C-alpha atoms as a PDB file:
ATOM      1  CA  MET A   1     113.657 127.831 132.959  1.00  0.00           C
ATOM      2  CA  ASN A   2     115.155 125.467 135.646  1.00  0.00           C
ATOM      3  CA  CYS A   3     114.485 122.049 136.773  1.00  0.00           C
ATOM      4  CA  ILE A   4     113.206 122.930 139.912  1.00  0.00           C
ATOM      5  CA  TYR A   5     110.768 125.719 138.260  1.00  0.00           C
ATOM      6  CA  LYS A   6     109.406 122.841 135.582  1.00  0.00           C
ATOM      7  CA  ASN A   7     109.147 120.398 138.345  1.00  0.00           C
ATOM      8  CA  LYS A   8     107.229 123.023 141.006  1.00  0.00           C
ATOM      9  CA  ILE A   9     104.852 123.798 137.969  1.00  0.00           C
ATOM     10  CA  GLY A  10     104.243 120.464 137.147  1.00  0.00           C
ATOM     11  CA  LYS A  11     103.329 118.804 140.378  1.00  0.00           C
ATOM     12  CA  ALA A  12     100.895 121.840 141.135  1.00  0.00           C
ATOM     13  CA  GLY A  13      99.060 120.257 137.456  1.00  0.00           C
ATOM     14  CA  GLU A  14      99.455 117.034 138.855  1.00  0.00           C
ATOM     15  CA  LEU A  15      97.483 117.953 142.111  1.00  0.00           C
ATOM     16  CA  ALA A  16      94.830 120.197 140.342  1.00  0.00           C
ATOM     17  CA  ALA A  17      94.007 116.974 137.998  1.00  0.00           C
ATOM     18  CA  LYS A  18      93.943 114.599 140.935  1.00  0.00           C
ATOM     19  CA  HIS A  19      91.701 116.876 142.658  1.00  0.00           C
ATOM     20  CA  PHE A  20      89.619 117.327 139.396  1.00  0.00           C
ATOM     21  CA  LEU A  21      89.519 113.265 139.549  1.00  0.00           C
ATOM     22  CA  ILE A  22      88.332 113.363 143.027  1.00  0.00           C
ATOM     23  CA  ARG A  23      85.351 115.581 142.158  1.00  0.00           C
ATOM     24  CA  LYS A  24      84.110 113.101 139.543  1.00  0.00           C
ATOM     25  CA  ASN A  25      84.384 110.268 142.065  1.00  0.00           C
ATOM     26  CA  LEU A  26      86.512 108.641 141.476  1.00  0.00           C
ATOM     27  CA  ASN A  27      88.923 106.652 143.907  1.00  0.00           C
ATOM     28  CA  TYR A  28      92.323 107.879 143.918  1.00  0.00           C
ATOM     29  CA  ILE A  29      94.824 104.841 143.607  1.00  0.00           C
ATOM     30  CA  LYS A  30      98.149 106.451 143.430  1.00  0.00           C
ATOM     31  CA  SER A  31     100.652 109.180 141.748  1.00  0.00           C
ATOM     32  CA  ASN A  32     104.015 108.607 140.264  1.00  0.00           C
ATOM     33  CA  TYR A  33     103.579 104.765 139.653  1.00  0.00           C
ATOM     34  CA  ARG A  34     106.365 103.504 137.888  1.00  0.00           C
ATOM     35  CA  PHE A  35     107.577 100.059 136.498  1.00  0.00           C
ATOM     36  CA  GLU A  36     110.654  99.425 135.328  1.00  0.00           C
ATOM     37  CA  ARG A  37     111.320 102.832 133.354  1.00  0.00           C
ATOM     38  CA  ALA A  38     107.634 103.757 132.438  1.00  0.00           C
ATOM     39  CA  GLU A  39     105.812 106.584 134.843  1.00  0.00           C
ATOM     40  CA  ILE A  40     102.221 107.302 134.888  1.00  0.00           C
ATOM     41  CA  ASP A  41     101.041 110.672 137.029  1.00  0.00           C
ATOM     42  CA  LEU A  42      97.996 108.709 138.138  1.00  0.00           C
ATOM     43  CA  ILE A  43      95.889 106.366 139.266  1.00  0.00           C
ATOM     44  CA  PHE A  44      92.291 105.802 140.039  1.00  0.00           C
ATOM     45  CA  SER A  45      89.500 103.542 140.171  1.00  0.00           C
ATOM     46  CA  ASP A  46      85.747 103.970 138.831  1.00  0.00           C
ATOM     47  CA  GLU A  47      84.266 101.366 141.234  1.00  0.00           C
ATOM     48  CA  GLU A  48      80.887 101.300 139.283  1.00  0.00           C
ATOM     49  CA  LYS A  49      82.209 100.421 135.721  1.00  0.00           C
ATOM     50  CA  LYS A  50      85.350  98.488 137.011  1.00  0.00           C
ATOM     51  CA  THR A  51      87.867 100.403 135.143  1.00  0.00           C
ATOM     52  CA  LEU A  52      91.093 101.568 135.983  1.00  0.00           C
ATOM     53  CA  ILE A  53      91.981 105.140 134.615  1.00  0.00           C
ATOM     54  CA  PHE A  54      95.645 105.882 134.196  1.00  0.00           C
ATOM     55  CA  THR A  55      95.618 109.445 133.575  1.00  0.00           C
ATOM     56  CA  GLU A  56      98.883 111.324 131.875  1.00  0.00           C
ATOM     57  CA  VAL A  57      99.032 115.189 133.168  1.00  0.00           C
ATOM     58  CA  LYS A  58     100.410 117.652 131.100  1.00  0.00           C
ATOM     59  CA  THR A  59     100.820 121.155 132.560  1.00  0.00           C
ATOM     60  CA  ARG A  60     101.773 124.563 131.016  1.00  0.00           C
ATOM     61  CA  THR A  61     101.970 128.178 131.371  1.00  0.00           C
ATOM     62  CA  SER A  62     102.186 128.899 128.186  1.00  0.00           C
ATOM     63  CA  LYS A  63     101.420 127.572 124.941  1.00  0.00           C
ATOM     64  CA  ALA A  64     104.885 129.235 123.372  1.00  0.00           C
ATOM     65  CA  PHE A  65     106.230 125.536 122.746  1.00  0.00           C
ATOM     66  CA  GLY A  66     102.894 124.192 121.576  1.00  0.00           C
ATOM     67  CA  ASP A  67      99.618 122.801 123.059  1.00  0.00           C
ATOM     68  CA  PRO A  68     100.281 120.319 126.060  1.00  0.00           C
ATOM     69  CA  LEU A  69      98.298 116.871 124.315  1.00  0.00           C
ATOM     70  CA  GLU A  70     101.409 117.515 121.989  1.00  0.00           C
ATOM     71  CA  ALA A  71     103.955 116.407 124.362  1.00  0.00           C
ATOM     72  CA  ILE A  72     101.643 113.006 124.572  1.00  0.00           C
ATOM     73  CA  THR A  73     104.222 111.239 121.436  1.00  0.00           C
ATOM     74  CA  SER A  74     103.526 107.902 120.431  1.00  0.00           C
ATOM     75  CA  VAL A  75     106.760 106.861 122.803  1.00  0.00           C
ATOM     76  CA  LYS A  76     105.186 108.683 125.373  1.00  0.00           C
ATOM     77  CA  GLN A  77     102.086 106.471 124.813  1.00  0.00           C
ATOM     78  CA  ALA A  78     103.995 103.218 124.413  1.00  0.00           C
ATOM     79  CA  GLN A  79     105.321 104.174 128.442  1.00  0.00           C
ATOM     80  CA  ILE A  80     102.034 104.820 130.175  1.00  0.00           C
ATOM     81  CA  LYS A  81     100.932 101.803 128.370  1.00  0.00           C
ATOM     82  CA  LYS A  82     103.734  99.696 130.119  1.00  0.00           C
ATOM     83  CA  ALA A  83     103.476 101.462 133.204  1.00  0.00           C
ATOM     84  CA  ALA A  84      99.551 100.281 132.901  1.00  0.00           C
ATOM     85  CA  MET A  85     100.097  96.751 132.676  1.00  0.00           C
ATOM     86  CA  GLY A  86     102.719  96.231 135.091  1.00  0.00           C
ATOM     87  CA  PHE A  87     100.189  98.291 137.595  1.00  0.00           C
ATOM     88  CA  VAL A  88      98.024  95.734 136.118  1.00  0.00           C
ATOM     89  CA  SER A  89     100.344  92.015 137.037  1.00  0.00           C
ATOM     90  CA  GLU A  90     101.783  93.535 140.206  1.00  0.00           C
ATOM     91  CA  ASN A  91      98.294  93.874 141.638  1.00  0.00           C
ATOM     92  CA  GLU A  92      96.370  91.180 141.064  1.00  0.00           C
ATOM     93  CA  ALA A  93      93.155  92.851 142.941  1.00  0.00           C
ATOM     94  CA  TYR A  94      92.439  94.880 140.065  1.00  0.00           C
ATOM     95  CA  SER A  95      93.031  91.608 137.146  1.00  0.00           C
ATOM     96  CA  GLY A  96      89.604  92.050 136.183  1.00  0.00           C
ATOM     97  CA  TYR A  97      89.299  95.538 135.214  1.00  0.00           C
ATOM     98  CA  GLU A  98      88.932  96.703 132.658  1.00  0.00           C
ATOM     99  CA  ILE A  99      91.693  99.919 131.269  1.00  0.00           C
ATOM    100  CA  ARG A 100      91.346 103.600 130.296  1.00  0.00           C
ATOM    101  CA  LEU A 101      94.048 105.648 129.461  1.00  0.00           C
ATOM    102  CA  ASP A 102      93.655 109.274 129.696  1.00  0.00           C
ATOM    103  CA  VAL A 103      95.390 112.644 129.878  1.00  0.00           C
ATOM    104  CA  ILE A 104      94.337 116.066 131.484  1.00  0.00           C
ATOM    105  CA  THR A 105      95.920 118.841 129.931  1.00  0.00           C
ATOM    106  CA  VAL A 106      96.597 122.265 132.925  1.00  0.00           C
ATOM    107  CA  MET A 107      97.086 125.679 131.447  1.00  0.00           C
ATOM    108  CA  LYS A 108      97.973 127.815 134.139  1.00  0.00           C
ATOM    109  CA  SER A 109      98.314 131.444 134.261  1.00  0.00           C
ATOM    110  CA  GLY A 110      98.403 133.828 136.821  1.00  0.00           C
ATOM    111  CA  ASN A 111      95.761 133.082 139.057  1.00  0.00           C
ATOM    112  CA  LYS A 112      93.258 131.442 136.665  1.00  0.00           C
ATOM    113  CA  THR A 113      93.546 127.470 135.913  1.00  0.00           C
ATOM    114  CA  GLU A 114      92.160 125.530 133.121  1.00  0.00           C
ATOM    115  CA  ILE A 115      91.595 122.029 133.277  1.00  0.00           C
ATOM    116  CA  ARG A 116      90.931 119.965 130.024  1.00  0.00           C
ATOM    117  CA  HIS A 117      90.111 116.174 130.244  1.00  0.00           C
ATOM    118  CA  TYR A 118      90.459 113.516 127.559  1.00  0.00           C
ATOM    119  CA  PRO A 119      88.929 110.149 128.540  1.00  0.00           C
ATOM    120  CA  ASN A 120      90.477 107.417 126.311  1.00  0.00           C
ATOM    121  CA  ALA A 121      93.138 109.658 125.035  1.00  0.00           C
ATOM    122  CA  PHE A 122      95.186 107.038 123.138  1.00  0.00           C
END
């Protein structure tokens, strides 16, 4: 599988996850935020709860290489936490917010898309 194809699947999964979270009445802030070498796919806020939600999205077309949730290794978790701390440090308006680290898995098979949301995943 070439990188362009994988990137297209990943971007489609991120878009599906973004719309999923918007439907949950969360406020979209940013996609693909980078801090140093760390990156997070989606950032949302829950203004009612004063919570920032940093979400990693994993998209797959099959489970041939395992469940997408298994791709969130301890190294990846550390990178997500680093990106979250970087975002808060660069955006003082959110300094009083709680932080939540979520994972969304997206399984795409033909025209079917299955989304699973794991709040407070780690």
